[in-house]
Structure formats: structure tokens, C-alpha cells
């Protein structure tokens, strides 16, 4: 509990809400779009209420770490590759702390943004942190271009591990099987 957790390209924010329920100090980011952030902020509030209700139902005290950190969950707009000040200040008012865990779920299918994504991870991850990049091959671009995230990460000095892939079931009707096969790349600093 109390691990600092950052989600890049959150979309619906499922990894953020999971981390929030596990007691992490969460910052959830996505592109600066008013409608997107209204939805993300609503998800923060709904998940916070659910955590609070579950804790009270289970007889947990007000000082429970899950509730303390859950209440501090923040969301903020962030474009990859730009200044990290707003993101780090969302974690800590002084903006000095970096993140223990970074997740960019389903973000590497856009190879034209790999460098910006990796630069952001490098700037935002603590020296002993880990970044997880789970993704599927969408078919929107050449698969080899998507897999170049590994080479690009190594060129930027990251240690790269490819974790065991998992097939999501059931696949959608007419869905290419590769679109439901989730790969995960793990990055650490060398």
C-alpha cells in the first residue's frame, strides 16, 4: 500500500481504479479533452465511494490506508513527451517524487508516438520503478512497427522484458484473434 502509481493514456482508467482499490497513491492521465476528463473524474469519485462503502461494510476504520490513499487519487491531462510538472505535482505538491509503477495499457499500437511515450516514462518513473505496457495488435498499422517499442525502449536505456501473453475470451464476432491476444512489455531502468 502507498505505492505511487501512474496511468498514461488512461481511457476508461481500469488500471487506475484497480490500483486505487489496492491502496496505491494514484495519478490517472490522458489527453487534455474536457469530456474525457469529466468521465475520468466521475470514475474517481464513483470508485472512491465504492471503496468507502465497502470499507464501512467490512467494519474498517476511517484511517484505513486504502481509504486514505483512495481519497487522494488525482487525474490530470498530459500529452506524452511534454513537461511532467503537473503530473508530478499531482502526486506530491513539490513535484519531486517519481512513480513506482507506470501503466500505459493499450497505448503502443500507435508507433508514431513511441518516442514520446518512452520519454515520458523515463522522466516519470523512479529509479527503481517499473513500467508495464500491455497491448494487443489492432491491425491499424504494421505489426512490426508496433513491436519496435522494444527496440526503441532499449535504445533509450531501458531494460526490457516481454511477459507471458494472454488470450482474451471470448473474442468478438469477426475479430482477428491477434486483437484479443494481450502482450505485456515490462520496462525498468538499467
N, C-alpha and C. Protein backbone atom coordinates (compact mmCIF):
# COMPACT_ATOMS: atom_id res chain seq x y z
N UNK A 1 0.83 -1.18 0.00
CA UNK A 1 0.00 0.00 0.00
C UNK A 1 0.88 1.25 0.00
N UNK A 2 0.35 2.30 -0.58
CA UNK A 2 1.09 3.55 -0.64
C UNK A 2 2.06 3.64 -1.79
N UNK A 3 2.09 2.63 -2.63
CA UNK A 3 2.93 2.65 -3.84
C UNK A 3 2.41 3.76 -4.74
N UNK A 4 3.32 4.50 -5.36
CA UNK A 4 2.87 5.55 -6.29
C UNK A 4 2.63 4.92 -7.66
N UNK A 5 1.47 5.21 -8.23
CA UNK A 5 1.00 4.56 -9.45
C UNK A 5 0.55 5.62 -10.44
N UNK A 6 1.03 5.53 -11.67
CA UNK A 6 0.65 6.45 -12.73
C UNK A 6 0.11 5.66 -13.91
N UNK A 7 -1.02 6.12 -14.43
CA UNK A 7 -1.54 5.55 -15.68
C UNK A 7 -1.42 6.61 -16.77
N UNK A 8 -0.76 6.24 -17.86
CA UNK A 8 -0.63 7.09 -19.05
C UNK A 8 -1.65 6.61 -20.08
N UNK A 9 -2.33 7.53 -20.74
CA UNK A 9 -3.32 7.15 -21.75
C UNK A 9 -4.45 6.34 -21.15
N UNK A 10 -5.04 6.83 -20.08
CA UNK A 10 -5.95 6.04 -19.26
C UNK A 10 -7.23 5.59 -19.96
N UNK A 11 -7.80 6.39 -20.83
CA UNK A 11 -9.08 5.99 -21.40
C UNK A 11 -10.10 5.80 -20.29
N UNK A 12 -10.58 4.59 -20.10
CA UNK A 12 -11.55 4.30 -19.05
C UNK A 12 -10.90 4.21 -17.67
N UNK A 13 -9.58 4.07 -17.62
CA UNK A 13 -8.87 4.11 -16.34
C UNK A 13 -8.93 2.85 -15.50
N UNK A 14 -9.24 1.72 -16.08
CA UNK A 14 -9.40 0.49 -15.29
C UNK A 14 -8.15 0.17 -14.46
N UNK A 15 -6.92 0.26 -15.02
CA UNK A 15 -5.75 0.01 -14.15
C UNK A 15 -5.67 0.99 -12.97
N UNK A 16 -6.04 2.25 -13.18
CA UNK A 16 -6.01 3.23 -12.09
C UNK A 16 -6.99 2.86 -10.99
N UNK A 17 -8.19 2.43 -11.36
CA UNK A 17 -9.20 2.10 -10.35
C UNK A 17 -8.80 0.84 -9.61
N UNK A 18 -8.15 -0.08 -10.30
CA UNK A 18 -7.66 -1.29 -9.63
C UNK A 18 -6.58 -0.93 -8.62
N UNK A 19 -5.63 -0.08 -9.03
CA UNK A 19 -4.56 0.35 -8.12
C UNK A 19 -5.15 1.12 -6.93
N UNK A 20 -6.15 1.94 -7.20
CA UNK A 20 -6.82 2.71 -6.15
C UNK A 20 -7.42 1.76 -5.11
N UNK A 21 -8.06 0.70 -5.55
CA UNK A 21 -8.66 -0.29 -4.65
C UNK A 21 -7.62 -1.08 -3.87
N UNK A 22 -6.38 -1.09 -4.37
CA UNK A 22 -5.29 -1.80 -3.69
C UNK A 22 -4.50 -0.89 -2.76
N UNK A 23 -4.93 0.37 -2.64
CA UNK A 23 -4.28 1.29 -1.70
C UNK A 23 -3.13 2.10 -2.27
N UNK A 24 -2.97 2.12 -3.58
CA UNK A 24 -1.89 2.91 -4.19
C UNK A 24 -2.24 4.40 -4.19
N UNK A 25 -1.22 5.21 -4.29
CA UNK A 25 -1.39 6.65 -4.49
C UNK A 25 -1.42 6.84 -6.01
N UNK A 26 -2.58 7.14 -6.55
CA UNK A 26 -2.84 7.06 -7.99
C UNK A 26 -2.92 8.44 -8.63
N UNK A 27 -2.25 8.55 -9.79
CA UNK A 27 -2.45 9.68 -10.70
C UNK A 27 -2.83 9.08 -12.05
N UNK A 28 -3.97 9.50 -12.56
CA UNK A 28 -4.53 8.97 -13.80
C UNK A 28 -4.46 10.08 -14.85
N UNK A 29 -3.83 9.82 -16.00
CA UNK A 29 -3.67 10.85 -17.03
C UNK A 29 -4.20 10.38 -18.37
N UNK A 30 -4.57 11.36 -19.18
CA UNK A 30 -4.94 11.12 -20.56
C UNK A 30 -4.85 12.46 -21.29
N UNK A 31 -5.15 12.44 -22.57
CA UNK A 31 -5.10 13.66 -23.37
C UNK A 31 -6.01 14.73 -22.78
N UNK A 32 -5.63 16.00 -22.96
CA UNK A 32 -6.46 17.08 -22.41
C UNK A 32 -7.73 17.31 -23.22
N UNK A 33 -8.76 16.57 -22.88
CA UNK A 33 -10.05 16.70 -23.52
C UNK A 33 -11.09 16.82 -22.41
N UNK A 34 -11.88 17.87 -22.44
CA UNK A 34 -12.83 18.16 -21.35
C UNK A 34 -13.79 17.00 -21.08
N UNK A 35 -14.36 16.41 -22.12
CA UNK A 35 -15.31 15.31 -21.92
C UNK A 35 -14.62 14.08 -21.34
N UNK A 36 -13.43 13.81 -21.83
CA UNK A 36 -12.68 12.66 -21.32
C UNK A 36 -12.41 12.84 -19.83
N UNK A 37 -12.01 14.05 -19.45
CA UNK A 37 -11.67 14.27 -18.04
C UNK A 37 -12.88 14.35 -17.14
N UNK A 38 -13.98 14.76 -17.65
CA UNK A 38 -15.20 14.72 -16.86
C UNK A 38 -15.52 13.26 -16.52
N UNK A 39 -15.38 12.38 -17.50
CA UNK A 39 -15.65 10.95 -17.28
C UNK A 39 -14.64 10.35 -16.30
N UNK A 40 -13.36 10.70 -16.47
CA UNK A 40 -12.33 10.17 -15.57
C UNK A 40 -12.57 10.65 -14.14
N UNK A 41 -12.88 11.94 -13.98
CA UNK A 41 -13.14 12.49 -12.64
C UNK A 41 -14.36 11.81 -12.01
N UNK A 42 -15.38 11.52 -12.82
CA UNK A 42 -16.55 10.81 -12.31
C UNK A 42 -16.17 9.40 -11.87
N UNK A 43 -15.31 8.75 -12.62
CA UNK A 43 -14.85 7.40 -12.23
C UNK A 43 -14.07 7.45 -10.92
N UNK A 44 -13.23 8.46 -10.74
CA UNK A 44 -12.51 8.62 -9.47
C UNK A 44 -13.52 8.69 -8.32
N UNK A 45 -14.50 9.56 -8.47
CA UNK A 45 -15.49 9.76 -7.42
C UNK A 45 -16.29 8.48 -7.15
N UNK A 46 -16.74 7.81 -8.19
CA UNK A 46 -17.54 6.59 -8.01
C UNK A 46 -16.72 5.48 -7.35
N UNK A 47 -15.48 5.32 -7.80
CA UNK A 47 -14.63 4.29 -7.20
C UNK A 47 -14.30 4.62 -5.75
N UNK A 48 -14.06 5.89 -5.46
CA UNK A 48 -13.81 6.31 -4.09
C UNK A 48 -15.02 5.98 -3.21
N UNK A 49 -16.23 6.29 -3.68
CA UNK A 49 -17.44 5.97 -2.91
C UNK A 49 -17.57 4.47 -2.68
N UNK A 50 -17.28 3.67 -3.72
CA UNK A 50 -17.37 2.21 -3.59
C UNK A 50 -16.36 1.68 -2.58
N UNK A 51 -15.14 2.21 -2.60
CA UNK A 51 -14.12 1.78 -1.63
C UNK A 51 -14.57 2.13 -0.22
N UNK A 52 -15.07 3.33 -0.04
CA UNK A 52 -15.52 3.81 1.26
C UNK A 52 -16.67 2.96 1.79
N UNK A 53 -17.65 2.68 0.93
CA UNK A 53 -18.80 1.87 1.35
C UNK A 53 -18.37 0.45 1.70
N UNK A 54 -17.47 -0.12 0.90
CA UNK A 54 -17.00 -1.48 1.18
C UNK A 54 -16.23 -1.53 2.50
N UNK A 55 -15.42 -0.52 2.75
CA UNK A 55 -14.65 -0.48 4.00
C UNK A 55 -15.59 -0.39 5.20
N UNK A 56 -16.57 0.48 5.13
CA UNK A 56 -17.52 0.62 6.24
C UNK A 56 -18.32 -0.65 6.45
N UNK A 57 -18.71 -1.29 5.35
CA UNK A 57 -19.47 -2.54 5.42
C UNK A 57 -18.66 -3.63 6.10
N UNK A 58 -17.32 -3.60 5.87
CA UNK A 58 -16.43 -4.60 6.46
C UNK A 58 -15.91 -4.19 7.83
N UNK A 59 -16.41 -3.07 8.37
CA UNK A 59 -16.02 -2.64 9.70
C UNK A 59 -14.63 -2.04 9.80
N UNK A 60 -14.09 -1.55 8.69
CA UNK A 60 -12.75 -0.95 8.72
C UNK A 60 -12.84 0.49 9.20
N UNK A 61 -11.77 0.94 9.82
CA UNK A 61 -11.74 2.28 10.41
C UNK A 61 -11.54 3.37 9.35
N UNK A 62 -11.78 4.60 9.75
CA UNK A 62 -11.59 5.77 8.88
C UNK A 62 -10.14 5.90 8.44
N UNK A 63 -9.18 5.44 9.24
CA UNK A 63 -7.76 5.63 8.96
C UNK A 63 -7.20 4.56 8.03
N UNK A 64 -8.04 3.69 7.53
CA UNK A 64 -7.58 2.62 6.65
C UNK A 64 -6.77 3.18 5.49
N UNK A 65 -5.60 2.59 5.21
CA UNK A 65 -4.71 3.07 4.14
C UNK A 65 -5.40 3.13 2.79
N UNK A 66 -6.27 2.16 2.49
CA UNK A 66 -6.97 2.17 1.22
C UNK A 66 -7.76 3.46 1.07
N UNK A 67 -8.42 3.81 2.15
CA UNK A 67 -9.28 4.99 2.09
C UNK A 67 -8.46 6.26 2.09
N UNK A 68 -7.36 6.29 2.83
CA UNK A 68 -6.52 7.49 2.85
C UNK A 68 -5.97 7.77 1.46
N UNK A 69 -5.37 6.76 0.84
CA UNK A 69 -4.79 6.96 -0.49
C UNK A 69 -5.85 7.08 -1.57
N UNK A 70 -6.94 6.35 -1.44
CA UNK A 70 -8.02 6.44 -2.42
C UNK A 70 -8.59 7.84 -2.51
N UNK A 71 -8.70 8.48 -1.37
CA UNK A 71 -9.24 9.83 -1.33
C UNK A 71 -8.30 10.82 -2.02
N UNK A 72 -7.02 10.48 -2.11
CA UNK A 72 -6.02 11.37 -2.70
C UNK A 72 -5.80 11.11 -4.19
N UNK A 73 -6.56 10.20 -4.78
CA UNK A 73 -6.41 9.91 -6.21
C UNK A 73 -6.65 11.17 -7.02
N UNK A 74 -5.76 11.38 -8.00
CA UNK A 74 -5.84 12.58 -8.83
C UNK A 74 -5.92 12.18 -10.30
N UNK A 75 -6.50 13.05 -11.09
CA UNK A 75 -6.45 12.89 -12.54
C UNK A 75 -6.00 14.22 -13.14
N UNK A 76 -5.22 14.14 -14.19
CA UNK A 76 -4.77 15.38 -14.83
C UNK A 76 -4.46 15.11 -16.30
N UNK A 77 -4.60 16.14 -17.12
CA UNK A 77 -4.28 15.99 -18.54
C UNK A 77 -2.78 15.91 -18.73
N UNK A 78 -2.37 15.11 -19.71
CA UNK A 78 -0.94 15.02 -20.01
C UNK A 78 -0.74 14.53 -21.44
N UNK A 79 0.01 15.29 -22.21
CA UNK A 79 0.44 14.87 -23.55
C UNK A 79 1.85 14.30 -23.43
N UNK A 80 2.02 13.08 -23.91
CA UNK A 80 3.32 12.42 -23.80
C UNK A 80 4.42 13.28 -24.40
N UNK A 81 5.57 13.26 -23.73
CA UNK A 81 6.75 13.96 -24.22
C UNK A 81 6.81 15.42 -23.80
N UNK A 82 5.79 15.92 -23.10
CA UNK A 82 5.78 17.32 -22.68
C UNK A 82 6.22 17.41 -21.21
N UNK A 83 6.20 18.62 -20.67
CA UNK A 83 6.60 18.85 -19.29
C UNK A 83 5.81 17.95 -18.33
N UNK A 84 6.50 17.41 -17.35
CA UNK A 84 5.87 16.50 -16.39
C UNK A 84 5.43 17.19 -15.11
N UNK A 85 5.61 18.49 -15.02
CA UNK A 85 5.35 19.20 -13.77
C UNK A 85 3.96 18.96 -13.20
N UNK A 86 2.92 19.10 -14.01
CA UNK A 86 1.56 18.92 -13.49
C UNK A 86 1.33 17.49 -12.99
N UNK A 87 1.93 16.54 -13.66
CA UNK A 87 1.76 15.13 -13.27
C UNK A 87 2.46 14.86 -11.95
N UNK A 88 3.71 15.30 -11.82
CA UNK A 88 4.44 15.04 -10.56
C UNK A 88 3.86 15.84 -9.40
N UNK A 89 3.33 17.03 -9.67
CA UNK A 89 2.70 17.82 -8.61
C UNK A 89 1.37 17.22 -8.18
N UNK A 90 0.74 16.44 -9.04
CA UNK A 90 -0.48 15.72 -8.65
C UNK A 90 -0.16 14.63 -7.63
N UNK A 91 1.05 14.09 -7.71
CA UNK A 91 1.48 13.06 -6.76
C UNK A 91 1.96 13.69 -5.46
N UNK A 92 2.69 14.79 -5.59
CA UNK A 92 3.34 15.42 -4.45
C UNK A 92 3.44 16.91 -4.75
N UNK A 93 2.99 17.74 -3.84
CA UNK A 93 2.95 19.19 -4.08
C UNK A 93 4.27 19.78 -4.56
N UNK A 94 5.36 19.23 -4.10
CA UNK A 94 6.67 19.74 -4.51
C UNK A 94 7.09 19.21 -5.89
N UNK A 95 6.43 18.15 -6.35
CA UNK A 95 6.75 17.59 -7.66
C UNK A 95 8.09 16.90 -7.73
N UNK A 96 8.62 16.50 -6.59
CA UNK A 96 9.96 15.89 -6.54
C UNK A 96 9.93 14.38 -6.69
N UNK A 97 8.83 13.77 -6.33
CA UNK A 97 8.74 12.31 -6.33
C UNK A 97 8.42 11.78 -7.72
N UNK A 98 8.93 10.59 -8.03
CA UNK A 98 8.61 9.91 -9.28
C UNK A 98 7.82 8.65 -8.94
N UNK A 99 7.32 7.98 -9.96
CA UNK A 99 6.36 6.89 -9.76
C UNK A 99 7.03 5.52 -9.67
N UNK A 100 6.49 4.70 -8.75
CA UNK A 100 6.97 3.32 -8.57
C UNK A 100 6.47 2.42 -9.70
N UNK A 101 5.22 2.63 -10.10
CA UNK A 101 4.59 1.80 -11.14
C UNK A 101 3.93 2.73 -12.16
N UNK A 102 4.21 2.47 -13.43
CA UNK A 102 3.56 3.19 -14.52
C UNK A 102 2.92 2.16 -15.43
N UNK A 103 1.66 2.39 -15.78
CA UNK A 103 0.96 1.52 -16.72
C UNK A 103 0.48 2.37 -17.89
N UNK A 104 0.78 1.90 -19.09
CA UNK A 104 0.25 2.52 -20.32
C UNK A 104 -0.43 1.38 -21.09
N UNK A 105 -1.67 1.09 -20.70
CA UNK A 105 -2.40 -0.05 -21.26
C UNK A 105 -2.97 0.30 -22.63
N UNK A 106 -2.70 -0.55 -23.57
CA UNK A 106 -3.23 -0.43 -24.93
C UNK A 106 -2.85 0.91 -25.57
N UNK A 107 -1.58 1.28 -25.42
CA UNK A 107 -1.09 2.54 -25.98
C UNK A 107 -0.01 2.36 -27.05
N UNK A 108 0.59 1.20 -27.13
CA UNK A 108 1.72 1.04 -28.07
C UNK A 108 1.28 0.72 -29.50
N UNK A 109 -0.02 0.62 -29.75
CA UNK A 109 -0.48 0.36 -31.11
C UNK A 109 -0.34 1.60 -31.99
N UNK A 110 0.16 2.68 -31.41
CA UNK A 110 0.39 3.93 -32.15
C UNK A 110 1.91 4.16 -32.23
N UNK A 111 2.59 3.49 -33.15
CA UNK A 111 4.06 3.57 -33.16
C UNK A 111 4.59 4.98 -33.41
N UNK A 112 3.80 5.85 -34.01
CA UNK A 112 4.25 7.22 -34.25
C UNK A 112 4.38 8.00 -32.94
N UNK A 113 3.90 7.43 -31.82
CA UNK A 113 4.02 8.08 -30.52
C UNK A 113 4.95 7.33 -29.55
N UNK A 114 5.64 6.30 -30.04
CA UNK A 114 6.52 5.52 -29.16
C UNK A 114 7.56 6.38 -28.47
N UNK A 115 8.25 7.24 -29.21
CA UNK A 115 9.33 8.03 -28.61
C UNK A 115 8.79 8.94 -27.51
N UNK A 116 7.66 9.59 -27.74
CA UNK A 116 7.08 10.47 -26.73
C UNK A 116 6.63 9.67 -25.49
N UNK A 117 6.04 8.51 -25.72
CA UNK A 117 5.62 7.65 -24.61
C UNK A 117 6.83 7.23 -23.78
N UNK A 118 7.87 6.76 -24.45
CA UNK A 118 9.06 6.29 -23.74
C UNK A 118 9.78 7.44 -23.03
N UNK A 119 9.83 8.61 -23.63
CA UNK A 119 10.44 9.77 -22.97
C UNK A 119 9.67 10.12 -21.70
N UNK A 120 8.34 10.06 -21.78
CA UNK A 120 7.51 10.35 -20.60
C UNK A 120 7.76 9.33 -19.50
N UNK A 121 7.81 8.07 -19.86
CA UNK A 121 8.08 7.02 -18.87
C UNK A 121 9.43 7.26 -18.22
N UNK A 122 10.42 7.59 -19.01
CA UNK A 122 11.76 7.83 -18.48
C UNK A 122 11.77 9.00 -17.49
N UNK A 123 11.05 10.06 -17.81
CA UNK A 123 11.01 11.24 -16.93
C UNK A 123 10.19 10.99 -15.67
N UNK A 124 9.17 10.14 -15.74
CA UNK A 124 8.21 9.98 -14.65
C UNK A 124 8.48 8.78 -13.73
N UNK A 125 9.26 7.81 -14.19
CA UNK A 125 9.48 6.60 -13.40
C UNK A 125 10.65 6.79 -12.43
N UNK A 126 10.46 6.31 -11.21
CA UNK A 126 11.54 6.35 -10.22
C UNK A 126 12.67 5.42 -10.68
N UNK A 127 13.82 5.60 -10.10
CA UNK A 127 14.99 4.79 -10.48
C UNK A 127 14.76 3.30 -10.27
N UNK A 128 13.94 2.94 -9.29
CA UNK A 128 13.66 1.53 -9.02
C UNK A 128 12.27 1.13 -9.47
N UNK A 129 11.65 1.98 -10.28
CA UNK A 129 10.28 1.74 -10.73
C UNK A 129 10.18 0.74 -11.87
N UNK A 130 8.94 0.47 -12.24
CA UNK A 130 8.64 -0.45 -13.34
C UNK A 130 7.50 0.14 -14.16
N UNK A 131 7.60 -0.03 -15.47
CA UNK A 131 6.51 0.37 -16.36
C UNK A 131 5.98 -0.88 -17.06
N UNK A 132 4.67 -0.99 -17.14
CA UNK A 132 4.02 -2.11 -17.81
C UNK A 132 3.24 -1.57 -19.00
N UNK A 133 3.47 -2.18 -20.16
CA UNK A 133 2.83 -1.77 -21.40
C UNK A 133 2.06 -2.94 -21.99
N UNK A 134 0.86 -3.23 -21.47
CA UNK A 134 0.04 -4.30 -22.07
C UNK A 134 -0.63 -3.78 -23.34
N UNK A 135 -0.66 -4.64 -24.36
CA UNK A 135 -1.25 -4.20 -25.63
C UNK A 135 -1.65 -5.40 -26.48
N UNK A 136 -2.53 -5.12 -27.43
CA UNK A 136 -2.89 -6.10 -28.46
C UNK A 136 -2.55 -5.47 -29.80
N UNK A 137 -2.41 -6.29 -30.80
CA UNK A 137 -2.14 -5.79 -32.15
C UNK A 137 -3.49 -5.49 -32.81
N UNK A 138 -3.74 -4.24 -33.05
CA UNK A 138 -5.05 -3.79 -33.53
C UNK A 138 -5.25 -3.97 -35.03
N UNK A 139 -4.14 -4.06 -35.78
CA UNK A 139 -4.26 -4.14 -37.22
C UNK A 139 -4.36 -2.78 -37.88
N UNK A 140 -4.23 -1.70 -37.10
CA UNK A 140 -4.30 -0.35 -37.66
C UNK A 140 -3.01 0.06 -38.34
N UNK A 141 -1.94 -0.64 -38.04
CA UNK A 141 -0.63 -0.36 -38.61
C UNK A 141 0.15 -1.67 -38.66
N UNK A 142 1.27 -1.68 -39.31
CA UNK A 142 2.08 -2.89 -39.44
C UNK A 142 2.49 -3.42 -38.06
N UNK A 143 2.29 -4.70 -37.81
CA UNK A 143 2.62 -5.30 -36.52
C UNK A 143 4.08 -5.08 -36.15
N UNK A 144 4.99 -5.17 -37.13
CA UNK A 144 6.41 -4.96 -36.85
C UNK A 144 6.67 -3.56 -36.32
N UNK A 145 5.92 -2.57 -36.80
CA UNK A 145 6.07 -1.20 -36.30
C UNK A 145 5.68 -1.11 -34.84
N UNK A 146 4.63 -1.82 -34.46
CA UNK A 146 4.20 -1.83 -33.06
C UNK A 146 5.27 -2.48 -32.19
N UNK A 147 5.80 -3.61 -32.63
CA UNK A 147 6.82 -4.33 -31.86
C UNK A 147 8.13 -3.55 -31.73
N UNK A 148 8.31 -2.53 -32.52
CA UNK A 148 9.54 -1.71 -32.42
C UNK A 148 9.62 -0.95 -31.11
N UNK A 149 8.55 -0.96 -30.33
CA UNK A 149 8.60 -0.36 -29.00
C UNK A 149 9.74 -0.96 -28.19
N UNK A 150 10.02 -2.24 -28.40
CA UNK A 150 11.07 -2.93 -27.65
C UNK A 150 12.44 -2.36 -28.02
N UNK A 151 12.72 -2.27 -29.30
CA UNK A 151 14.00 -1.73 -29.76
C UNK A 151 14.16 -0.29 -29.32
N UNK A 152 13.11 0.49 -29.48
CA UNK A 152 13.17 1.91 -29.08
C UNK A 152 13.42 2.05 -27.58
N UNK A 153 12.79 1.22 -26.79
CA UNK A 153 12.99 1.27 -25.33
C UNK A 153 14.44 0.92 -24.97
N UNK A 154 14.99 -0.10 -25.61
CA UNK A 154 16.38 -0.47 -25.34
C UNK A 154 17.32 0.66 -25.77
N UNK A 155 17.03 1.30 -26.90
CA UNK A 155 17.86 2.41 -27.36
C UNK A 155 17.83 3.57 -26.36
N UNK A 156 16.74 3.70 -25.61
CA UNK A 156 16.62 4.78 -24.62
C UNK A 156 17.17 4.36 -23.25
N UNK A 157 17.76 3.17 -23.18
CA UNK A 157 18.42 2.72 -21.96
C UNK A 157 17.58 1.90 -21.00
N UNK A 158 16.39 1.50 -21.39
CA UNK A 158 15.57 0.67 -20.53
C UNK A 158 15.99 -0.80 -20.62
N UNK A 159 15.80 -1.53 -19.53
CA UNK A 159 15.85 -2.99 -19.56
C UNK A 159 14.45 -3.44 -19.94
N UNK A 160 14.34 -4.32 -20.92
CA UNK A 160 13.04 -4.71 -21.47
C UNK A 160 12.82 -6.21 -21.27
N UNK A 161 11.66 -6.56 -20.75
CA UNK A 161 11.23 -7.95 -20.62
C UNK A 161 9.87 -8.08 -21.27
N UNK A 162 9.66 -9.19 -21.98
CA UNK A 162 8.35 -9.49 -22.54
C UNK A 162 7.72 -10.56 -21.66
N UNK A 163 6.58 -10.25 -21.09
CA UNK A 163 5.90 -11.17 -20.18
C UNK A 163 5.01 -12.14 -20.97
N UNK A 164 4.52 -13.15 -20.28
CA UNK A 164 3.66 -14.15 -20.90
C UNK A 164 2.41 -13.49 -21.47
N UNK A 165 2.09 -13.84 -22.70
CA UNK A 165 0.89 -13.27 -23.33
C UNK A 165 -0.36 -14.02 -22.87
N UNK A 166 -1.50 -13.35 -23.00
CA UNK A 166 -2.77 -13.95 -22.57
C UNK A 166 -3.84 -13.70 -23.63
N UNK A 167 -4.59 -14.73 -23.95
CA UNK A 167 -5.68 -14.62 -24.93
C UNK A 167 -6.95 -14.26 -24.19
N UNK A 168 -7.56 -13.13 -24.57
CA UNK A 168 -8.85 -12.76 -24.00
C UNK A 168 -9.94 -13.59 -24.64
N UNK A 169 -10.91 -13.99 -23.84
CA UNK A 169 -12.03 -14.74 -24.37
C UNK A 169 -13.32 -14.16 -23.81
N UNK A 170 -14.41 -14.23 -24.44
CA UNK A 170 -14.48 -14.66 -25.84
C UNK A 170 -14.11 -13.50 -26.76
N UNK A 171 -13.63 -13.86 -27.91
CA UNK A 171 -13.32 -12.84 -28.91
C UNK A 171 -14.62 -12.34 -29.52
N UNK A 172 -14.58 -11.08 -29.94
CA UNK A 172 -15.75 -10.52 -30.59
C UNK A 172 -15.97 -11.15 -31.96
N UNK A 173 -17.22 -11.19 -32.38
CA UNK A 173 -17.54 -11.75 -33.68
C UNK A 173 -16.82 -10.96 -34.77
N UNK A 174 -16.14 -11.67 -35.67
CA UNK A 174 -15.41 -11.04 -36.75
C UNK A 174 -14.09 -10.43 -36.31
N UNK A 175 -13.69 -10.68 -35.08
CA UNK A 175 -12.46 -10.12 -34.54
C UNK A 175 -11.28 -11.01 -34.91
N UNK A 176 -10.22 -10.41 -35.41
CA UNK A 176 -8.99 -11.15 -35.70
C UNK A 176 -8.44 -11.65 -34.36
N UNK A 177 -8.07 -12.93 -34.24
CA UNK A 177 -7.58 -13.47 -32.96
C UNK A 177 -6.45 -12.66 -32.35
N UNK A 178 -5.60 -12.06 -33.18
CA UNK A 178 -4.48 -11.29 -32.62
C UNK A 178 -4.97 -10.05 -31.86
N UNK A 179 -6.17 -9.57 -32.16
CA UNK A 179 -6.70 -8.40 -31.47
C UNK A 179 -7.12 -8.72 -30.03
N UNK A 180 -7.26 -9.98 -29.71
CA UNK A 180 -7.61 -10.40 -28.35
C UNK A 180 -6.44 -11.03 -27.62
N UNK A 181 -5.26 -11.03 -28.23
CA UNK A 181 -4.07 -11.60 -27.61
C UNK A 181 -3.28 -10.46 -26.97
N UNK A 182 -3.23 -10.44 -25.63
CA UNK A 182 -2.59 -9.34 -24.91
C UNK A 182 -1.14 -9.68 -24.62
N UNK A 183 -0.27 -8.82 -25.10
CA UNK A 183 1.18 -8.90 -24.85
C UNK A 183 1.49 -7.84 -23.79
N UNK A 184 2.50 -8.10 -22.98
CA UNK A 184 2.92 -7.09 -22.00
C UNK A 184 4.43 -6.95 -22.04
N UNK A 185 4.85 -5.71 -22.18
CA UNK A 185 6.27 -5.36 -22.14
C UNK A 185 6.52 -4.68 -20.79
N UNK A 186 7.57 -5.14 -20.09
CA UNK A 186 7.94 -4.53 -18.81
C UNK A 186 9.24 -3.78 -18.99
N UNK A 187 9.25 -2.52 -18.53
CA UNK A 187 10.44 -1.68 -18.63
C UNK A 187 10.96 -1.33 -17.23
N UNK A 188 12.25 -1.40 -17.07
CA UNK A 188 12.91 -0.89 -15.87
C UNK A 188 14.12 -0.10 -16.32
N UNK A 189 14.64 0.72 -15.42
CA UNK A 189 15.84 1.49 -15.75
C UNK A 189 17.06 0.64 -15.45
N UNK A 190 18.05 0.75 -16.33
CA UNK A 190 19.27 -0.06 -16.13
C UNK A 190 20.24 0.60 -15.20
